[in-house]
Amino acid sequence: MTKNTHIGFQSDEFKWLSTQEKSSWWFRSRNKIIIWAISKYINEPKSFLEIGCGTGFVLQAISKAFPSATLYGDEFFREGLQYAKIRVPEASFRRLDATKMQDRDRFDAIGAFDVIEHIEDDNATLKNCFKALKKEGYLFLTVPQHMWLWSKVDEDACHVRRYSQLELRFKLEQSGFKILMSSSFVSLLLPLMYLSRKNIFKKDSISKKEFKIYPWLNTLFELIMTIEIFLIKLGIRLPLGGSMILVAKKP
């Protein structure tokens, strides 16, 4: 999917990832934001495709929140699909490069959660999503935000870019989408994130060490994110944050 994905993202990464997601404040909080966004704009999606479904952690949460939805998962790496099929056995999966997706007018909703930043030709992926959605279909995205947060964490994760809201909105509108909502998240923790990413606290690589924190700190971060999610639900759109969620619609 990217020029450097095969170099930096090895098969054993999925095994490691599957051990972190259930307990990590980051993955748990992101799931809450995703489920809220889907619930806000679609009462119950009939069909939902997740692009880059990884180990199936998000798709599993969507399955629990919307039990009547027909779920699909696309993933470039077969190692990730092995875990996803176990987590969400009722879903249909494909090994697929999102830049080569050829579905037309098929899905009520598509999600790509921290995926398109890995793809060199993200414009092709967004245009494919537009074609794959039915009329009045919804696209849900989360992406890392602000290039000034770029660090070795992004390099280790094989990111091609971090987005600005202006850039992502422009690319979606160029693909034909109408933007419904966008907001930053991981905003209250942004100062701490900035210091961590700039290696203020450590001299060595911090990519995986960000997950290796004390349990009480993990609980505190999740509590802070709960407050932040509450603000987003109230309609407060946060201008700065380590990540961004965006909802768009196919007219």
C-alpha atoms as a PDB file:
ATOM      1  CA  MET A   1       0.000   0.000   0.000  1.00  0.00           C
ATOM      2  CA  THR A   2       2.943   2.275   0.572  1.00  0.00           C
ATOM      3  CA  LYS A   3       6.487   2.296  -0.657  1.00  0.00           C
ATOM      4  CA  ASN A   4       7.888   1.468   2.752  1.00  0.00           C
ATOM      5  CA  THR A   5       5.117  -0.618   4.337  1.00  0.00           C
ATOM      6  CA  HIS A   6       6.740  -3.984   3.699  1.00  0.00           C
ATOM      7  CA  ILE A   7      10.007  -2.781   5.197  1.00  0.00           C
ATOM      8  CA  GLY A   8       8.649  -1.310   8.399  1.00  0.00           C
ATOM      9  CA  PHE A   9       5.508  -3.328   9.104  1.00  0.00           C
ATOM     10  CA  GLN A  10       6.362  -6.969   9.636  1.00  0.00           C
ATOM     11  CA  SER A  11       3.976  -9.847  10.228  1.00  0.00           C
ATOM     12  CA  ASP A  12       4.846 -10.078  13.936  1.00  0.00           C
ATOM     13  CA  GLU A  13       3.569  -6.518  14.388  1.00  0.00           C
ATOM     14  CA  PHE A  14      -0.007  -7.828  14.198  1.00  0.00           C
ATOM     15  CA  LYS A  15       0.632 -10.291  17.004  1.00  0.00           C
ATOM     16  CA  TRP A  16       2.048  -7.501  19.157  1.00  0.00           C
ATOM     17  CA  LEU A  17      -0.818  -5.164  18.202  1.00  0.00           C
ATOM     18  CA  SER A  18      -3.457  -7.732  19.132  1.00  0.00           C
ATOM     19  CA  THR A  19      -2.048  -7.879  22.671  1.00  0.00           C
ATOM     20  CA  GLN A  20      -2.210  -4.090  23.142  1.00  0.00           C
ATOM     21  CA  GLU A  21      -5.582  -3.034  21.763  1.00  0.00           C
ATOM     22  CA  LYS A  22      -7.938  -4.377  24.438  1.00  0.00           C
ATOM     23  CA  SER A  23      -6.233  -2.566  27.304  1.00  0.00           C
ATOM     24  CA  SER A  24      -4.759   0.534  25.639  1.00  0.00           C
ATOM     25  CA  TRP A  25      -6.411   3.875  26.451  1.00  0.00           C
ATOM     26  CA  TRP A  26      -5.734   4.967  22.877  1.00  0.00           C
ATOM     27  CA  PHE A  27      -7.465   2.097  21.067  1.00  0.00           C
ATOM     28  CA  ARG A  28     -10.348   1.939  23.531  1.00  0.00           C
ATOM     29  CA  SER A  29     -10.965   5.701  23.315  1.00  0.00           C
ATOM     30  CA  ARG A  30     -10.754   5.744  19.544  1.00  0.00           C
ATOM     31  CA  ASN A  31     -13.367   2.981  19.364  1.00  0.00           C
ATOM     32  CA  LYS A  32     -15.722   5.046  21.515  1.00  0.00           C
ATOM     33  CA  ILE A  33     -15.375   8.041  19.201  1.00  0.00           C
ATOM     34  CA  ILE A  34     -15.897   5.877  16.108  1.00  0.00           C
ATOM     35  CA  ILE A  35     -19.019   4.187  17.462  1.00  0.00           C
ATOM     36  CA  TRP A  36     -20.443   7.548  18.541  1.00  0.00           C
ATOM     37  CA  ALA A  37     -19.871   9.023  15.066  1.00  0.00           C
ATOM     38  CA  ILE A  38     -21.500   6.083  13.289  1.00  0.00           C
ATOM     39  CA  SER A  39     -24.462   6.165  15.681  1.00  0.00           C
ATOM     40  CA  LYS A  40     -24.904   9.905  15.175  1.00  0.00           C
ATOM     41  CA  TYR A  41     -25.128   9.758  11.396  1.00  0.00           C
ATOM     42  CA  ILE A  42     -26.539   6.260  10.809  1.00  0.00           C
ATOM     43  CA  ASN A  43     -29.023   4.632  13.128  1.00  0.00           C
ATOM     44  CA  GLU A  44     -28.108   1.161  11.915  1.00  0.00           C
ATOM     45  CA  PRO A  45     -25.910   0.684   8.819  1.00  0.00           C
ATOM     46  CA  LYS A  46     -27.110  -2.196   6.660  1.00  0.00           C
ATOM     47  CA  SER A  47     -23.649  -2.772   5.240  1.00  0.00           C
ATOM     48  CA  PHE A  48     -20.311  -1.522   6.574  1.00  0.00           C
ATOM     49  CA  LEU A  49     -16.850  -1.974   5.066  1.00  0.00           C
ATOM     50  CA  GLU A  50     -13.705  -1.289   7.040  1.00  0.00           C
ATOM     51  CA  ILE A  51     -10.654  -0.665   4.897  1.00  0.00           C
ATOM     52  CA  GLY A  52      -7.401  -1.699   6.536  1.00  0.00           C
ATOM     53  CA  CYS A  53      -9.219  -3.627   9.239  1.00  0.00           C
ATOM     54  CA  GLY A  54      -5.981  -4.940  10.781  1.00  0.00           C
ATOM     55  CA  THR A  55      -6.671  -7.367  13.611  1.00  0.00           C
ATOM     56  CA  GLY A  56     -10.402  -6.607  13.601  1.00  0.00           C
ATOM     57  CA  PHE A  57     -10.472  -4.639  16.859  1.00  0.00           C
ATOM     58  CA  VAL A  58     -12.603  -1.800  15.466  1.00  0.00           C
ATOM     59  CA  LEU A  59     -14.798  -4.082  13.376  1.00  0.00           C
ATOM     60  CA  GLN A  60     -15.494  -6.161  16.475  1.00  0.00           C
ATOM     61  CA  ALA A  61     -16.735  -3.051  18.298  1.00  0.00           C
ATOM     62  CA  ILE A  62     -18.912  -2.115  15.311  1.00  0.00           C
ATOM     63  CA  SER A  63     -20.340  -5.646  15.296  1.00  0.00           C
ATOM     64  CA  LYS A  64     -21.348  -5.338  18.958  1.00  0.00           C
ATOM     65  CA  ALA A  65     -22.822  -1.850  18.511  1.00  0.00           C
ATOM     66  CA  PHE A  66     -24.722  -2.694  15.308  1.00  0.00           C
ATOM     67  CA  PRO A  67     -25.545  -6.411  15.461  1.00  0.00           C
ATOM     68  CA  SER A  68     -27.816  -6.391  12.403  1.00  0.00           C
ATOM     69  CA  ALA A  69     -25.216  -4.818  10.096  1.00  0.00           C
ATOM     70  CA  THR A  70     -23.556  -6.893   7.390  1.00  0.00           C
ATOM     71  CA  LEU A  71     -19.850  -6.365   7.943  1.00  0.00           C
ATOM     72  CA  TYR A  72     -16.922  -6.495   5.542  1.00  0.00           C
ATOM     73  CA  GLY A  73     -13.208  -6.090   6.158  1.00  0.00           C
ATOM     74  CA  ASP A  74     -10.408  -5.409   3.690  1.00  0.00           C
ATOM     75  CA  GLU A  75      -6.773  -5.757   4.715  1.00  0.00           C
ATOM     76  CA  PHE A  76      -3.569  -5.707   2.691  1.00  0.00           C
ATOM     77  CA  PHE A  77      -1.693  -8.058   5.037  1.00  0.00           C
ATOM     78  CA  ARG A  78      -2.881 -11.640   5.409  1.00  0.00           C
ATOM     79  CA  GLU A  79      -1.290 -11.760   8.888  1.00  0.00           C
ATOM     80  CA  GLY A  80      -3.781  -9.153  10.068  1.00  0.00           C
ATOM     81  CA  LEU A  81      -6.692 -11.020   8.508  1.00  0.00           C
ATOM     82  CA  GLN A  82      -5.849 -14.106  10.564  1.00  0.00           C
ATOM     83  CA  TYR A  83      -6.645 -12.210  13.757  1.00  0.00           C
ATOM     84  CA  ALA A  84      -9.623 -10.338  12.276  1.00  0.00           C
ATOM     85  CA  LYS A  85     -11.346 -13.550  11.179  1.00  0.00           C
ATOM     86  CA  ILE A  86     -11.109 -14.900  14.728  1.00  0.00           C
ATOM     87  CA  ARG A  87     -12.403 -11.689  16.309  1.00  0.00           C
ATOM     88  CA  VAL A  88     -15.277 -11.131  13.883  1.00  0.00           C
ATOM     89  CA  PRO A  89     -16.193 -14.524  12.396  1.00  0.00           C
ATOM     90  CA  GLU A  90     -19.509 -13.225  11.047  1.00  0.00           C
ATOM     91  CA  ALA A  91     -17.791 -10.652   8.783  1.00  0.00           C
ATOM     92  CA  SER A  92     -16.630 -11.215   5.205  1.00  0.00           C
ATOM     93  CA  PHE A  93     -12.963 -10.482   4.574  1.00  0.00           C
ATOM     94  CA  ARG A  94     -10.755  -9.837   1.560  1.00  0.00           C
ATOM     95  CA  ARG A  95      -7.037  -9.343   1.118  1.00  0.00           C
ATOM     96  CA  LEU A  96      -7.049  -6.184  -0.927  1.00  0.00           C
ATOM     97  CA  ASP A  97      -5.051  -3.088  -1.808  1.00  0.00           C
ATOM     98  CA  ALA A  98      -7.375  -0.127  -1.240  1.00  0.00           C
ATOM     99  CA  THR A  99      -5.936   1.735  -4.234  1.00  0.00           C
ATOM    100  CA  LYS A 100      -7.199  -1.112  -6.453  1.00  0.00           C
ATOM    101  CA  MET A 101     -10.669  -1.543  -4.957  1.00  0.00           C
ATOM    102  CA  GLN A 102     -13.255  -1.847  -7.732  1.00  0.00           C
ATOM    103  CA  ASP A 103     -16.589  -2.021  -5.864  1.00  0.00           C
ATOM    104  CA  ARG A 104     -19.384   0.180  -7.185  1.00  0.00           C
ATOM    105  CA  ASP A 105     -22.432   1.452  -5.250  1.00  0.00           C
ATOM    106  CA  ARG A 106     -22.179  -1.417  -2.778  1.00  0.00           C
ATOM    107  CA  PHE A 107     -21.856  -0.195   0.825  1.00  0.00           C
ATOM    108  CA  ASP A 108     -23.963   2.016   3.077  1.00  0.00           C
ATOM    109  CA  ALA A 109     -20.881   3.064   5.030  1.00  0.00           C
ATOM    110  CA  ILE A 110     -17.104   2.717   4.801  1.00  0.00           C
ATOM    111  CA  GLY A 111     -14.562   3.299   7.539  1.00  0.00           C
ATOM    112  CA  ALA A 112     -10.800   3.731   7.389  1.00  0.00           C
ATOM    113  CA  PHE A 113      -9.322   4.207  10.832  1.00  0.00           C
ATOM    114  CA  ASP A 114      -5.691   5.320  10.874  1.00  0.00           C
ATOM    115  CA  VAL A 115      -5.148   3.761   7.467  1.00  0.00           C
ATOM    116  CA  ILE A 116      -4.878   6.296   4.651  1.00  0.00           C
ATOM    117  CA  GLU A 117      -1.821   7.969   6.175  1.00  0.00           C
ATOM    118  CA  HIS A 118       0.042   4.778   5.223  1.00  0.00           C
ATOM    119  CA  ILE A 119      -0.946   5.007   1.554  1.00  0.00           C
ATOM    120  CA  GLU A 120       1.131   6.966  -0.948  1.00  0.00           C
ATOM    121  CA  ASP A 121      -1.813   7.520  -3.292  1.00  0.00           C
ATOM    122  CA  ASP A 122      -4.455   8.406  -0.727  1.00  0.00           C
ATOM    123  CA  ASN A 123      -6.421  10.259  -3.409  1.00  0.00           C
ATOM    124  CA  ALA A 124      -6.979   7.004  -5.308  1.00  0.00           C
ATOM    125  CA  THR A 125      -8.195   5.339  -2.120  1.00  0.00           C
ATOM    126  CA  LEU A 126     -10.660   8.145  -1.348  1.00  0.00           C
ATOM    127  CA  LYS A 127     -12.001   8.095  -4.911  1.00  0.00           C
ATOM    128  CA  ASN A 128     -12.434   4.319  -4.687  1.00  0.00           C
ATOM    129  CA  CYS A 129     -14.357   4.762  -1.444  1.00  0.00           C
ATOM    130  CA  PHE A 130     -16.625   7.277  -3.153  1.00  0.00           C
ATOM    131  CA  LYS A 131     -17.363   4.832  -5.968  1.00  0.00           C
ATOM    132  CA  ALA A 132     -17.904   1.921  -3.572  1.00  0.00           C
ATOM    133  CA  LEU A 133     -20.497   3.774  -1.496  1.00  0.00           C
ATOM    134  CA  LYS A 134     -24.160   3.793  -2.351  1.00  0.00           C
ATOM    135  CA  LYS A 135     -25.797   7.173  -2.906  1.00  0.00           C
ATOM    136  CA  GLU A 136     -26.217   8.914   0.458  1.00  0.00           C
ATOM    137  CA  GLY A 137     -23.490   6.634   1.827  1.00  0.00           C
ATOM    138  CA  TYR A 138     -21.158   7.710   4.625  1.00  0.00           C
ATOM    139  CA  LEU A 139     -17.388   7.675   5.002  1.00  0.00           C
ATOM    140  CA  PHE A 140     -15.811   7.661   8.465  1.00  0.00           C
ATOM    141  CA  LEU A 141     -12.107   8.443   8.834  1.00  0.00           C
ATOM    142  CA  THR A 142      -9.589   8.820  11.611  1.00  0.00           C
ATOM    143  CA  VAL A 143      -6.072   9.999  10.827  1.00  0.00           C
ATOM    144  CA  PRO A 144      -3.007  11.313  12.672  1.00  0.00           C
ATOM    145  CA  GLN A 145      -2.913  15.097  12.627  1.00  0.00           C
ATOM    146  CA  HIS A 146      -0.337  17.920  12.407  1.00  0.00           C
ATOM    147  CA  MET A 147       2.959  17.435  10.579  1.00  0.00           C
ATOM    148  CA  TRP A 148       4.697  19.311  13.406  1.00  0.00           C
ATOM    149  CA  LEU A 149       4.097  16.177  15.493  1.00  0.00           C
ATOM    150  CA  TRP A 150       6.088  14.085  13.012  1.00  0.00           C
ATOM    151  CA  SER A 151       8.606  11.864  14.794  1.00  0.00           C
ATOM    152  CA  LYS A 152      10.268   8.475  14.748  1.00  0.00           C
ATOM    153  CA  VAL A 153       6.928   7.035  15.869  1.00  0.00           C
ATOM    154  CA  ASP A 154       5.530   7.930  12.446  1.00  0.00           C
ATOM    155  CA  GLU A 155       8.553   6.488  10.690  1.00  0.00           C
ATOM    156  CA  ASP A 156       8.324   3.232  12.647  1.00  0.00           C
ATOM    157  CA  ALA A 157       4.591   3.055  11.871  1.00  0.00           C
ATOM    158  CA  CYS A 158       5.340   3.569   8.145  1.00  0.00           C
ATOM    159  CA  HIS A 159       3.275   6.748   7.908  1.00  0.00           C
ATOM    160  CA  VAL A 160       3.570   8.715   4.694  1.00  0.00           C
ATOM    161  CA  ARG A 161       2.081  11.855   6.230  1.00  0.00           C
ATOM    162  CA  ARG A 162       0.167  13.416   9.102  1.00  0.00           C
ATOM    163  CA  TYR A 163      -2.837  15.462   7.974  1.00  0.00           C
ATOM    164  CA  SER A 164      -4.119  18.938   8.514  1.00  0.00           C
ATOM    165  CA  GLN A 165      -7.900  19.377   8.526  1.00  0.00           C
ATOM    166  CA  LEU A 166      -7.629  21.676   5.518  1.00  0.00           C
ATOM    167  CA  GLU A 167      -5.675  19.086   3.509  1.00  0.00           C
ATOM    168  CA  LEU A 168      -7.994  16.190   4.265  1.00  0.00           C
ATOM    169  CA  ARG A 169     -11.129  18.232   3.639  1.00  0.00           C
ATOM    170  CA  PHE A 170      -9.731  19.349   0.275  1.00  0.00           C
ATOM    171  CA  LYS A 171      -8.891  15.798  -0.797  1.00  0.00           C
ATOM    172  CA  LEU A 172     -12.336  14.535   0.165  1.00  0.00           C
ATOM    173  CA  GLU A 173     -14.103  17.343  -1.643  1.00  0.00           C
ATOM    174  CA  GLN A 174     -11.955  16.685  -4.724  1.00  0.00           C
ATOM    175  CA  SER A 175     -13.149  13.071  -4.576  1.00  0.00           C
ATOM    176  CA  GLY A 176     -16.784  14.209  -4.558  1.00  0.00           C
ATOM    177  CA  PHE A 177     -17.608  14.000  -0.857  1.00  0.00           C
ATOM    178  CA  LYS A 178     -19.569  16.470   1.220  1.00  0.00           C
ATOM    179  CA  ILE A 179     -17.990  17.063   4.643  1.00  0.00           C
ATOM    180  CA  LEU A 180     -20.425  16.666   7.539  1.00  0.00           C
ATOM    181  CA  MET A 181     -18.188  16.844  10.600  1.00  0.00           C
ATOM    182  CA  SER A 182     -14.574  16.977  11.621  1.00  0.00           C
ATOM    183  CA  SER A 183     -12.895  17.322  14.985  1.00  0.00           C
ATOM    184  CA  SER A 184      -9.531  16.796  16.568  1.00  0.00           C
ATOM    185  CA  PHE A 185      -9.147  14.359  19.414  1.00  0.00           C
ATOM    186  CA  VAL A 186      -6.315  13.526  21.799  1.00  0.00           C
ATOM    187  CA  SER A 187      -6.441  17.273  22.397  1.00  0.00           C
ATOM    188  CA  LEU A 188      -6.172  17.543  26.163  1.00  0.00           C
ATOM    189  CA  LEU A 189      -3.140  15.253  26.069  1.00  0.00           C
ATOM    190  CA  LEU A 190      -1.540  17.105  23.146  1.00  0.00           C
ATOM    191  CA  PRO A 191       1.158  18.939  25.183  1.00  0.00           C
ATOM    192  CA  LEU A 192       2.304  15.659  26.711  1.00  0.00           C
ATOM    193  CA  MET A 193       2.181  13.979  23.319  1.00  0.00           C
ATOM    194  CA  TYR A 194       4.309  16.735  21.792  1.00  0.00           C
ATOM    195  CA  LEU A 195       6.987  16.397  24.475  1.00  0.00           C
ATOM    196  CA  SER A 196       6.996  12.624  24.105  1.00  0.00           C
ATOM    197  CA  ARG A 197       7.230  12.722  20.313  1.00  0.00           C
ATOM    198  CA  LYS A 198      10.096  15.182  20.416  1.00  0.00           C
ATOM    199  CA  ASN A 199      12.061  12.814  22.669  1.00  0.00           C
ATOM    200  CA  ILE A 200      12.092  15.213  25.590  1.00  0.00           C
ATOM    201  CA  PHE A 201      11.715  12.299  27.997  1.00  0.00           C
ATOM    202  CA  LYS A 202      13.798   9.620  26.255  1.00  0.00           C
ATOM    203  CA  LYS A 203      16.896   9.389  24.156  1.00  0.00           C
ATOM    204  CA  ASP A 204      16.014   6.132  22.399  1.00  0.00           C
ATOM    205  CA  SER A 205      13.139   5.095  20.146  1.00  0.00           C
ATOM    206  CA  ILE A 206       9.696   5.638  21.671  1.00  0.00           C
ATOM    207  CA  SER A 207       7.424   4.037  19.075  1.00  0.00           C
ATOM    208  CA  LYS A 208       6.294   0.970  21.060  1.00  0.00           C
ATOM    209  CA  LYS A 209       7.244   2.374  24.443  1.00  0.00           C
ATOM    210  CA  GLU A 210       4.278   4.739  24.211  1.00  0.00           C
ATOM    211  CA  PHE A 211       2.127   1.685  24.933  1.00  0.00           C
ATOM    212  CA  LYS A 212       4.270   0.504  27.833  1.00  0.00           C
ATOM    213  CA  ILE A 213       2.979   2.824  30.531  1.00  0.00           C
ATOM    214  CA  TYR A 214       1.922   2.251  34.119  1.00  0.00           C
ATOM    215  CA  PRO A 215      -1.635   0.863  34.455  1.00  0.00           C
ATOM    216  CA  TRP A 216      -2.684   3.834  36.586  1.00  0.00           C
ATOM    217  CA  LEU A 217      -1.430   6.209  33.889  1.00  0.00           C
ATOM    218  CA  ASN A 218      -3.295   4.237  31.237  1.00  0.00           C
ATOM    219  CA  THR A 219      -6.474   4.599  33.340  1.00  0.00           C
ATOM    220  CA  LEU A 220      -5.864   8.326  33.808  1.00  0.00           C
ATOM    221  CA  PHE A 221      -5.385   8.894  30.076  1.00  0.00           C
ATOM    222  CA  GLU A 222      -8.602   7.031  29.311  1.00  0.00           C
ATOM    223  CA  LEU A 223     -10.448   9.144  31.871  1.00  0.00           C
ATOM    224  CA  ILE A 224      -9.114  12.309  30.238  1.00  0.00           C
ATOM    225  CA  MET A 225     -10.271  10.984  26.861  1.00  0.00           C
ATOM    226  CA  THR A 226     -13.727  10.298  28.317  1.00  0.00           C
ATOM    227  CA  ILE A 227     -13.990  13.995  29.174  1.00  0.00           C
ATOM    228  CA  GLU A 228     -12.813  14.908  25.693  1.00  0.00           C
ATOM    229  CA  ILE A 229     -15.318  12.582  24.006  1.00  0.00           C
ATOM    230  CA  PHE A 230     -18.077  14.131  26.122  1.00  0.00           C
ATOM    231  CA  LEU A 231     -17.119  17.577  24.804  1.00  0.00           C
ATOM    232  CA  ILE A 232     -17.183  16.312  21.206  1.00  0.00           C
ATOM    233  CA  LYS A 233     -20.635  14.791  21.786  1.00  0.00           C
ATOM    234  CA  LEU A 234     -21.823  18.188  23.018  1.00  0.00           C
ATOM    235  CA  GLY A 235     -20.861  19.629  19.636  1.00  0.00           C
ATOM    236  CA  ILE A 236     -17.560  21.213  20.632  1.00  0.00           C
ATOM    237  CA  ARG A 237     -15.109  20.796  17.742  1.00  0.00           C
ATOM    238  CA  LEU A 238     -11.538  20.768  18.978  1.00  0.00           C
ATOM    239  CA  PRO A 239      -9.106  22.592  16.652  1.00  0.00           C
ATOM    240  CA  LEU A 240      -5.896  20.871  17.764  1.00  0.00           C
ATOM    241  CA  GLY A 241      -5.145  17.274  18.654  1.00  0.00           C
ATOM    242  CA  GLY A 242      -2.943  14.332  17.874  1.00  0.00           C
ATOM    243  CA  SER A 243      -5.709  12.770  15.780  1.00  0.00           C
ATOM    244  CA  MET A 244      -8.711  13.789  13.731  1.00  0.00           C
ATOM    245  CA  ILE A 245     -12.073  12.188  13.054  1.00  0.00           C
ATOM    246  CA  LEU A 246     -13.983  13.193   9.931  1.00  0.00           C
ATOM    247  CA  VAL A 247     -17.388  12.182   8.576  1.00  0.00           C
ATOM    248  CA  ALA A 248     -18.249  12.694   4.920  1.00  0.00           C
ATOM    249  CA  LYS A 249     -21.193  11.786   2.702  1.00  0.00           C
ATOM    250  CA  LYS A 250     -21.652  10.782  -0.921  1.00  0.00           C
ATOM    251  CA  PRO A 251     -24.298  13.217  -2.252  1.00  0.00           C
END
